[in-house]
Amino acid sequence: RGEPLLSENALFAPDLEIEVPIPGKTHDLDEQQLREVARRLRAYYQKGLLDWYQGNVDESGLSLMQAVVARCEKLCGGSPSIRLWWIAAGVIEALRDGGLESSVSVRRLLGLLDQQLKIISKDGALALAQPVPTELVKNLLYYLARSRSESARIASIRSTYRLDDLFVGEDASERAERILCGPDLESLKAVAAAIKEDLGRAKT
């Protein structure tokens, strides 16, 4: 927990303080509404995540995750956490259009967004005002740099963070991926089991 996902992180150092080029309109929800919306979004995200983990071929899981992340992006407008959801949406786009492989490490990264939704559902506006997790954002950007996707959003993220100048190359990324795959597979199974348990409690 809390450890970098990439063994070669020191070679990939984007400036995470750069302002994101998207509208910063704030939400108009009160504290109770914000927490309730976050709880509902988390439940939807968990359903999508579990479906994706199970490898369903119709991509309904990724589609649901994408819808949730888009809503989170609007919800977090004007707050520091908006950059996390803007970047995460790019990663999901890259997965859906085939520009990024659905690897164990990428699955684990997107699984960590569930915890961010949990924090918002508990802490509300206070959570939105907190700095985003540096390693999570950095790793999401790393895999976007590896992707072959060229959507408008991804092009904007690449340009904003100068990813093409920072990417260390395929050999290094392949080494990092090999290191990740062994232990992270068990972590992924644990996350899937926890999500099933959460969903089971929600239905009772």
C-alpha atoms as a PDB file:
ATOM      1  CA  ARG A   1       0.000   0.000   0.000  1.00  0.00           C
ATOM      2  CA  GLY A   2       1.237   3.478  -0.879  1.00  0.00           C
ATOM      3  CA  GLU A   3       4.200   2.130  -2.830  1.00  0.00           C
ATOM      4  CA  PRO A   4       4.903   3.319  -6.380  1.00  0.00           C
ATOM      5  CA  LEU A   5       3.494   1.078  -9.079  1.00  0.00           C
ATOM      6  CA  LEU A   6       6.421   1.775 -11.384  1.00  0.00           C
ATOM      7  CA  SER A   7       9.933   0.572 -10.704  1.00  0.00           C
ATOM      8  CA  GLU A   8      11.336   3.334 -12.910  1.00  0.00           C
ATOM      9  CA  ASN A   9       9.311   6.231 -11.512  1.00  0.00           C
ATOM     10  CA  ALA A  10      12.399   8.357 -11.031  1.00  0.00           C
ATOM     11  CA  LEU A  11      12.771   8.576 -14.807  1.00  0.00           C
ATOM     12  CA  PHE A  12       9.226   9.830 -15.291  1.00  0.00           C
ATOM     13  CA  ALA A  13       8.590  13.111 -13.509  1.00  0.00           C
ATOM     14  CA  PRO A  14       5.736  15.189 -14.950  1.00  0.00           C
ATOM     15  CA  ASP A  15       4.944  18.536 -13.359  1.00  0.00           C
ATOM     16  CA  LEU A  16       1.762  17.732 -11.444  1.00  0.00           C
ATOM     17  CA  GLU A  17       1.194  21.365 -10.469  1.00  0.00           C
ATOM     18  CA  ILE A  18       0.317  22.402 -14.021  1.00  0.00           C
ATOM     19  CA  GLU A  19      -3.219  23.778 -14.316  1.00  0.00           C
ATOM     20  CA  VAL A  20      -5.529  21.561 -16.338  1.00  0.00           C
ATOM     21  CA  PRO A  21      -7.104  23.242 -19.402  1.00  0.00           C
ATOM     22  CA  ILE A  22     -10.724  22.431 -18.559  1.00  0.00           C
ATOM     23  CA  PRO A  23     -13.558  24.560 -17.161  1.00  0.00           C
ATOM     24  CA  GLY A  24     -13.468  24.907 -13.398  1.00  0.00           C
ATOM     25  CA  LYS A  25     -17.181  25.291 -12.674  1.00  0.00           C
ATOM     26  CA  THR A  26     -18.010  24.204  -9.138  1.00  0.00           C
ATOM     27  CA  HIS A  27     -20.931  21.948  -8.244  1.00  0.00           C
ATOM     28  CA  ASP A  28     -24.059  23.330  -6.560  1.00  0.00           C
ATOM     29  CA  LEU A  29     -24.676  20.459  -4.133  1.00  0.00           C
ATOM     30  CA  ASP A  30     -24.834  20.814  -0.383  1.00  0.00           C
ATOM     31  CA  GLU A  31     -22.658  18.588   1.795  1.00  0.00           C
ATOM     32  CA  GLN A  32     -25.233  15.842   2.267  1.00  0.00           C
ATOM     33  CA  GLN A  33     -26.089  15.756  -1.438  1.00  0.00           C
ATOM     34  CA  LEU A  34     -22.420  15.602  -2.400  1.00  0.00           C
ATOM     35  CA  ARG A  35     -21.771  12.621  -0.160  1.00  0.00           C
ATOM     36  CA  GLU A  36     -24.879  10.822  -1.371  1.00  0.00           C
ATOM     37  CA  VAL A  37     -23.971  11.384  -5.032  1.00  0.00           C
ATOM     38  CA  ALA A  38     -20.465  10.078  -4.332  1.00  0.00           C
ATOM     39  CA  ARG A  39     -21.901   6.967  -2.674  1.00  0.00           C
ATOM     40  CA  ARG A  40     -24.094   6.246  -5.686  1.00  0.00           C
ATOM     41  CA  LEU A  41     -21.254   6.883  -8.111  1.00  0.00           C
ATOM     42  CA  ARG A  42     -19.022   4.557  -6.145  1.00  0.00           C
ATOM     43  CA  ALA A  43     -21.591   1.756  -6.355  1.00  0.00           C
ATOM     44  CA  TYR A  44     -21.819   2.185 -10.131  1.00  0.00           C
ATOM     45  CA  TYR A  45     -18.043   2.346 -10.451  1.00  0.00           C
ATOM     46  CA  GLN A  46     -17.641  -0.850  -8.453  1.00  0.00           C
ATOM     47  CA  LYS A  47     -20.113  -2.641 -10.711  1.00  0.00           C
ATOM     48  CA  GLY A  48     -18.238  -1.484 -13.791  1.00  0.00           C
ATOM     49  CA  LEU A  49     -14.862  -2.334 -12.285  1.00  0.00           C
ATOM     50  CA  LEU A  50     -15.947  -5.841 -11.338  1.00  0.00           C
ATOM     51  CA  ASP A  51     -17.417  -6.436 -14.787  1.00  0.00           C
ATOM     52  CA  TRP A  52     -14.150  -5.284 -16.367  1.00  0.00           C
ATOM     53  CA  TYR A  53     -12.056  -7.424 -14.044  1.00  0.00           C
ATOM     54  CA  GLN A  54     -14.124 -10.449 -15.028  1.00  0.00           C
ATOM     55  CA  GLY A  55     -13.295  -9.835 -18.687  1.00  0.00           C
ATOM     56  CA  ASN A  56     -16.768  -9.403 -20.150  1.00  0.00           C
ATOM     57  CA  VAL A  57     -16.289  -8.829 -23.859  1.00  0.00           C
ATOM     58  CA  ASP A  58     -19.034  -6.250 -24.425  1.00  0.00           C
ATOM     59  CA  GLU A  59     -17.039  -3.557 -22.557  1.00  0.00           C
ATOM     60  CA  SER A  60     -20.088  -2.622 -20.495  1.00  0.00           C
ATOM     61  CA  GLY A  61     -17.841  -2.381 -17.452  1.00  0.00           C
ATOM     62  CA  LEU A  62     -15.489   0.146 -19.020  1.00  0.00           C
ATOM     63  CA  SER A  63     -18.466   2.071 -20.388  1.00  0.00           C
ATOM     64  CA  LEU A  64     -19.978   2.359 -16.914  1.00  0.00           C
ATOM     65  CA  MET A  65     -16.633   3.343 -15.416  1.00  0.00           C
ATOM     66  CA  GLN A  66     -16.220   6.012 -18.084  1.00  0.00           C
ATOM     67  CA  ALA A  67     -19.656   7.466 -17.298  1.00  0.00           C
ATOM     68  CA  VAL A  68     -18.861   7.603 -13.578  1.00  0.00           C
ATOM     69  CA  VAL A  69     -15.478   9.240 -14.128  1.00  0.00           C
ATOM     70  CA  ALA A  70     -17.074  11.840 -16.426  1.00  0.00           C
ATOM     71  CA  ARG A  71     -19.563  12.675 -13.668  1.00  0.00           C
ATOM     72  CA  CYS A  72     -16.747  12.915 -11.135  1.00  0.00           C
ATOM     73  CA  GLU A  73     -14.908  15.311 -13.411  1.00  0.00           C
ATOM     74  CA  LYS A  74     -17.916  17.645 -13.384  1.00  0.00           C
ATOM     75  CA  LEU A  75     -18.433  17.146  -9.661  1.00  0.00           C
ATOM     76  CA  CYS A  76     -14.845  18.159  -8.915  1.00  0.00           C
ATOM     77  CA  GLY A  77     -14.777  21.260 -11.098  1.00  0.00           C
ATOM     78  CA  GLY A  78     -12.858  24.085  -9.458  1.00  0.00           C
ATOM     79  CA  SER A  79     -11.110  21.748  -6.997  1.00  0.00           C
ATOM     80  CA  PRO A  80      -7.604  20.221  -6.999  1.00  0.00           C
ATOM     81  CA  SER A  81      -9.018  16.733  -7.547  1.00  0.00           C
ATOM     82  CA  ILE A  82     -10.369  17.552 -11.002  1.00  0.00           C
ATOM     83  CA  ARG A  83      -6.998  16.657 -12.562  1.00  0.00           C
ATOM     84  CA  LEU A  84      -7.278  13.086 -11.268  1.00  0.00           C
ATOM     85  CA  TRP A  85     -10.614  12.468 -12.979  1.00  0.00           C
ATOM     86  CA  TRP A  86      -9.593  14.284 -16.163  1.00  0.00           C
ATOM     87  CA  ILE A  87      -6.555  12.037 -16.504  1.00  0.00           C
ATOM     88  CA  ALA A  88      -8.422   8.886 -15.452  1.00  0.00           C
ATOM     89  CA  ALA A  89     -11.003   9.543 -18.154  1.00  0.00           C
ATOM     90  CA  GLY A  90      -8.165   9.601 -20.678  1.00  0.00           C
ATOM     91  CA  VAL A  91      -6.876   6.232 -19.491  1.00  0.00           C
ATOM     92  CA  ILE A  92     -10.329   4.674 -19.850  1.00  0.00           C
ATOM     93  CA  GLU A  93     -10.682   6.181 -23.334  1.00  0.00           C
ATOM     94  CA  ALA A  94      -7.353   4.629 -24.297  1.00  0.00           C
ATOM     95  CA  LEU A  95      -8.508   1.239 -23.014  1.00  0.00           C
ATOM     96  CA  ARG A  96     -11.799   1.427 -24.877  1.00  0.00           C
ATOM     97  CA  ASP A  97     -10.261   2.349 -28.226  1.00  0.00           C
ATOM     98  CA  GLY A  98      -7.555  -0.308 -27.961  1.00  0.00           C
ATOM     99  CA  GLY A  99      -4.675   2.119 -27.566  1.00  0.00           C
ATOM    100  CA  LEU A 100      -3.747   0.780 -24.142  1.00  0.00           C
ATOM    101  CA  GLU A 101      -3.490  -2.810 -22.992  1.00  0.00           C
ATOM    102  CA  SER A 102      -5.718  -3.902 -20.117  1.00  0.00           C
ATOM    103  CA  SER A 103      -2.762  -5.059 -18.017  1.00  0.00           C
ATOM    104  CA  VAL A 104      -2.764  -6.069 -14.364  1.00  0.00           C
ATOM    105  CA  SER A 105      -1.093  -2.825 -13.338  1.00  0.00           C
ATOM    106  CA  VAL A 106      -3.571  -0.658 -15.265  1.00  0.00           C
ATOM    107  CA  ARG A 107      -6.440  -2.568 -13.666  1.00  0.00           C
ATOM    108  CA  ARG A 108      -4.959  -2.003 -10.252  1.00  0.00           C
ATOM    109  CA  LEU A 109      -4.561   1.710 -10.940  1.00  0.00           C
ATOM    110  CA  LEU A 110      -8.182   2.150 -11.946  1.00  0.00           C
ATOM    111  CA  GLY A 111      -9.183   0.080  -8.940  1.00  0.00           C
ATOM    112  CA  LEU A 112      -7.605   2.737  -6.727  1.00  0.00           C
ATOM    113  CA  LEU A 113     -10.177   5.260  -7.962  1.00  0.00           C
ATOM    114  CA  ASP A 114     -12.762   3.340  -5.966  1.00  0.00           C
ATOM    115  CA  GLN A 115     -10.945   4.416  -2.809  1.00  0.00           C
ATOM    116  CA  GLN A 116     -11.036   8.041  -3.929  1.00  0.00           C
ATOM    117  CA  LEU A 117     -14.804   7.806  -4.335  1.00  0.00           C
ATOM    118  CA  LYS A 118     -15.041   6.246  -0.887  1.00  0.00           C
ATOM    119  CA  ILE A 119     -13.156   9.193   0.600  1.00  0.00           C
ATOM    120  CA  ILE A 120     -15.465  11.702  -1.111  1.00  0.00           C
ATOM    121  CA  SER A 121     -18.538   9.823   0.091  1.00  0.00           C
ATOM    122  CA  LYS A 122     -17.237  10.078   3.671  1.00  0.00           C
ATOM    123  CA  ASP A 123     -15.578  13.510   3.733  1.00  0.00           C
ATOM    124  CA  GLY A 124     -17.506  15.425   1.075  1.00  0.00           C
ATOM    125  CA  ALA A 125     -16.187  18.846   0.093  1.00  0.00           C
ATOM    126  CA  LEU A 126     -13.172  18.434   2.367  1.00  0.00           C
ATOM    127  CA  ALA A 127     -12.006  15.516   0.218  1.00  0.00           C
ATOM    128  CA  LEU A 128     -12.351  17.550  -2.980  1.00  0.00           C
ATOM    129  CA  ALA A 129     -10.164  20.290  -1.538  1.00  0.00           C
ATOM    130  CA  GLN A 130      -7.298  17.929  -0.740  1.00  0.00           C
ATOM    131  CA  PRO A 131      -4.342  17.449  -3.111  1.00  0.00           C
ATOM    132  CA  VAL A 132      -4.731  14.421  -5.344  1.00  0.00           C
ATOM    133  CA  PRO A 133      -2.559  11.349  -4.610  1.00  0.00           C
ATOM    134  CA  THR A 134       0.714  12.081  -6.369  1.00  0.00           C
ATOM    135  CA  GLU A 135       1.693   8.501  -7.174  1.00  0.00           C
ATOM    136  CA  LEU A 136      -1.744   7.646  -8.537  1.00  0.00           C
ATOM    137  CA  VAL A 137      -1.779  10.617 -10.901  1.00  0.00           C
ATOM    138  CA  LYS A 138       1.827  10.025 -11.917  1.00  0.00           C
ATOM    139  CA  ASN A 139       1.173   6.379 -12.751  1.00  0.00           C
ATOM    140  CA  LEU A 140      -1.985   7.167 -14.705  1.00  0.00           C
ATOM    141  CA  LEU A 141       0.023   9.663 -16.754  1.00  0.00           C
ATOM    142  CA  TYR A 142       2.738   7.077 -17.318  1.00  0.00           C
ATOM    143  CA  TYR A 143       0.327   4.635 -18.904  1.00  0.00           C
ATOM    144  CA  LEU A 144      -1.229   7.381 -20.990  1.00  0.00           C
ATOM    145  CA  ALA A 145       2.269   8.167 -22.247  1.00  0.00           C
ATOM    146  CA  ARG A 146       2.574   4.507 -23.255  1.00  0.00           C
ATOM    147  CA  SER A 147      -0.764   4.444 -25.044  1.00  0.00           C
ATOM    148  CA  ARG A 148      -1.217   4.725 -28.793  1.00  0.00           C
ATOM    149  CA  SER A 149      -4.494   6.639 -28.531  1.00  0.00           C
ATOM    150  CA  GLU A 150      -4.955  10.060 -30.098  1.00  0.00           C
ATOM    151  CA  SER A 151      -8.358  11.302 -28.930  1.00  0.00           C
ATOM    152  CA  ALA A 152      -8.797  15.026 -28.313  1.00  0.00           C
ATOM    153  CA  ARG A 153      -8.703  14.505 -24.555  1.00  0.00           C
ATOM    154  CA  ILE A 154      -5.596  12.340 -24.645  1.00  0.00           C
ATOM    155  CA  ALA A 155      -3.833  14.756 -26.993  1.00  0.00           C
ATOM    156  CA  SER A 156      -4.632  17.566 -24.558  1.00  0.00           C
ATOM    157  CA  ILE A 157      -3.286  15.578 -21.598  1.00  0.00           C
ATOM    158  CA  ARG A 158      -0.135  14.683 -23.547  1.00  0.00           C
ATOM    159  CA  SER A 159       0.424  18.321 -24.426  1.00  0.00           C
ATOM    160  CA  THR A 160      -0.347  19.675 -20.952  1.00  0.00           C
ATOM    161  CA  TYR A 161       2.080  17.348 -19.191  1.00  0.00           C
ATOM    162  CA  ARG A 162       4.572  17.077 -22.091  1.00  0.00           C
ATOM    163  CA  LEU A 163       4.326  13.315 -21.950  1.00  0.00           C
ATOM    164  CA  ASP A 164       6.088  12.718 -25.239  1.00  0.00           C
ATOM    165  CA  ASP A 165       9.178  14.454 -23.850  1.00  0.00           C
ATOM    166  CA  LEU A 166       9.090  12.517 -20.581  1.00  0.00           C
ATOM    167  CA  PHE A 167       8.363   8.974 -21.701  1.00  0.00           C
ATOM    168  CA  VAL A 168      11.379   6.743 -21.027  1.00  0.00           C
ATOM    169  CA  GLY A 169      10.730   4.233 -23.784  1.00  0.00           C
ATOM    170  CA  GLU A 170       9.249   0.793 -24.356  1.00  0.00           C
ATOM    171  CA  ASP A 171      12.130  -1.270 -22.966  1.00  0.00           C
ATOM    172  CA  ALA A 172      11.936   0.381 -19.561  1.00  0.00           C
ATOM    173  CA  SER A 173       8.155   0.204 -19.453  1.00  0.00           C
ATOM    174  CA  GLU A 174       8.204  -3.488 -20.328  1.00  0.00           C
ATOM    175  CA  ARG A 175      10.615  -4.152 -17.467  1.00  0.00           C
ATOM    176  CA  ALA A 176       8.330  -2.298 -15.080  1.00  0.00           C
ATOM    177  CA  GLU A 177       5.339  -4.291 -16.321  1.00  0.00           C
ATOM    178  CA  ARG A 178       7.075  -7.624 -15.767  1.00  0.00           C
ATOM    179  CA  ILE A 179       7.972  -6.658 -12.217  1.00  0.00           C
ATOM    180  CA  LEU A 180       4.385  -5.671 -11.523  1.00  0.00           C
ATOM    181  CA  CYS A 181       2.514  -8.624 -12.911  1.00  0.00           C
ATOM    182  CA  GLY A 182       3.406 -11.265 -10.318  1.00  0.00           C
ATOM    183  CA  PRO A 183       2.475  -9.719  -6.979  1.00  0.00           C
ATOM    184  CA  ASP A 184      -0.213  -7.442  -8.385  1.00  0.00           C
ATOM    185  CA  LEU A 185      -2.288 -10.335  -9.693  1.00  0.00           C
ATOM    186  CA  GLU A 186      -3.020 -11.365  -6.117  1.00  0.00           C
ATOM    187  CA  SER A 187      -3.791  -7.753  -5.207  1.00  0.00           C
ATOM    188  CA  LEU A 188      -6.245  -7.593  -8.088  1.00  0.00           C
ATOM    189  CA  LYS A 189      -8.041 -10.696  -6.861  1.00  0.00           C
ATOM    190  CA  ALA A 190      -8.264  -9.195  -3.389  1.00  0.00           C
ATOM    191  CA  VAL A 191      -9.757  -5.981  -4.776  1.00  0.00           C
ATOM    192  CA  ALA A 192     -12.351  -7.932  -6.764  1.00  0.00           C
ATOM    193  CA  ALA A 193     -13.310  -9.922  -3.663  1.00  0.00           C
ATOM    194  CA  ALA A 194     -13.667  -6.739  -1.605  1.00  0.00           C
ATOM    195  CA  ILE A 195     -15.875  -5.155  -4.260  1.00  0.00           C
ATOM    196  CA  LYS A 196     -18.143  -8.204  -4.325  1.00  0.00           C
ATOM    197  CA  GLU A 197     -18.432  -7.985  -0.547  1.00  0.00           C
ATOM    198  CA  ASP A 198     -19.295  -4.261  -0.688  1.00  0.00           C
ATOM    199  CA  LEU A 199     -21.931  -4.830  -3.344  1.00  0.00           C
ATOM    200  CA  GLY A 200     -23.394  -7.700  -1.349  1.00  0.00           C
ATOM    201  CA  ARG A 201     -23.776  -5.480   1.717  1.00  0.00           C
ATOM    202  CA  ALA A 202     -25.383  -2.742  -0.375  1.00  0.00           C
ATOM    203  CA  LYS A 203     -28.126  -5.118  -1.509  1.00  0.00           C
ATOM    204  CA  THR A 204     -29.076  -6.184   2.025  1.00  0.00           C
END
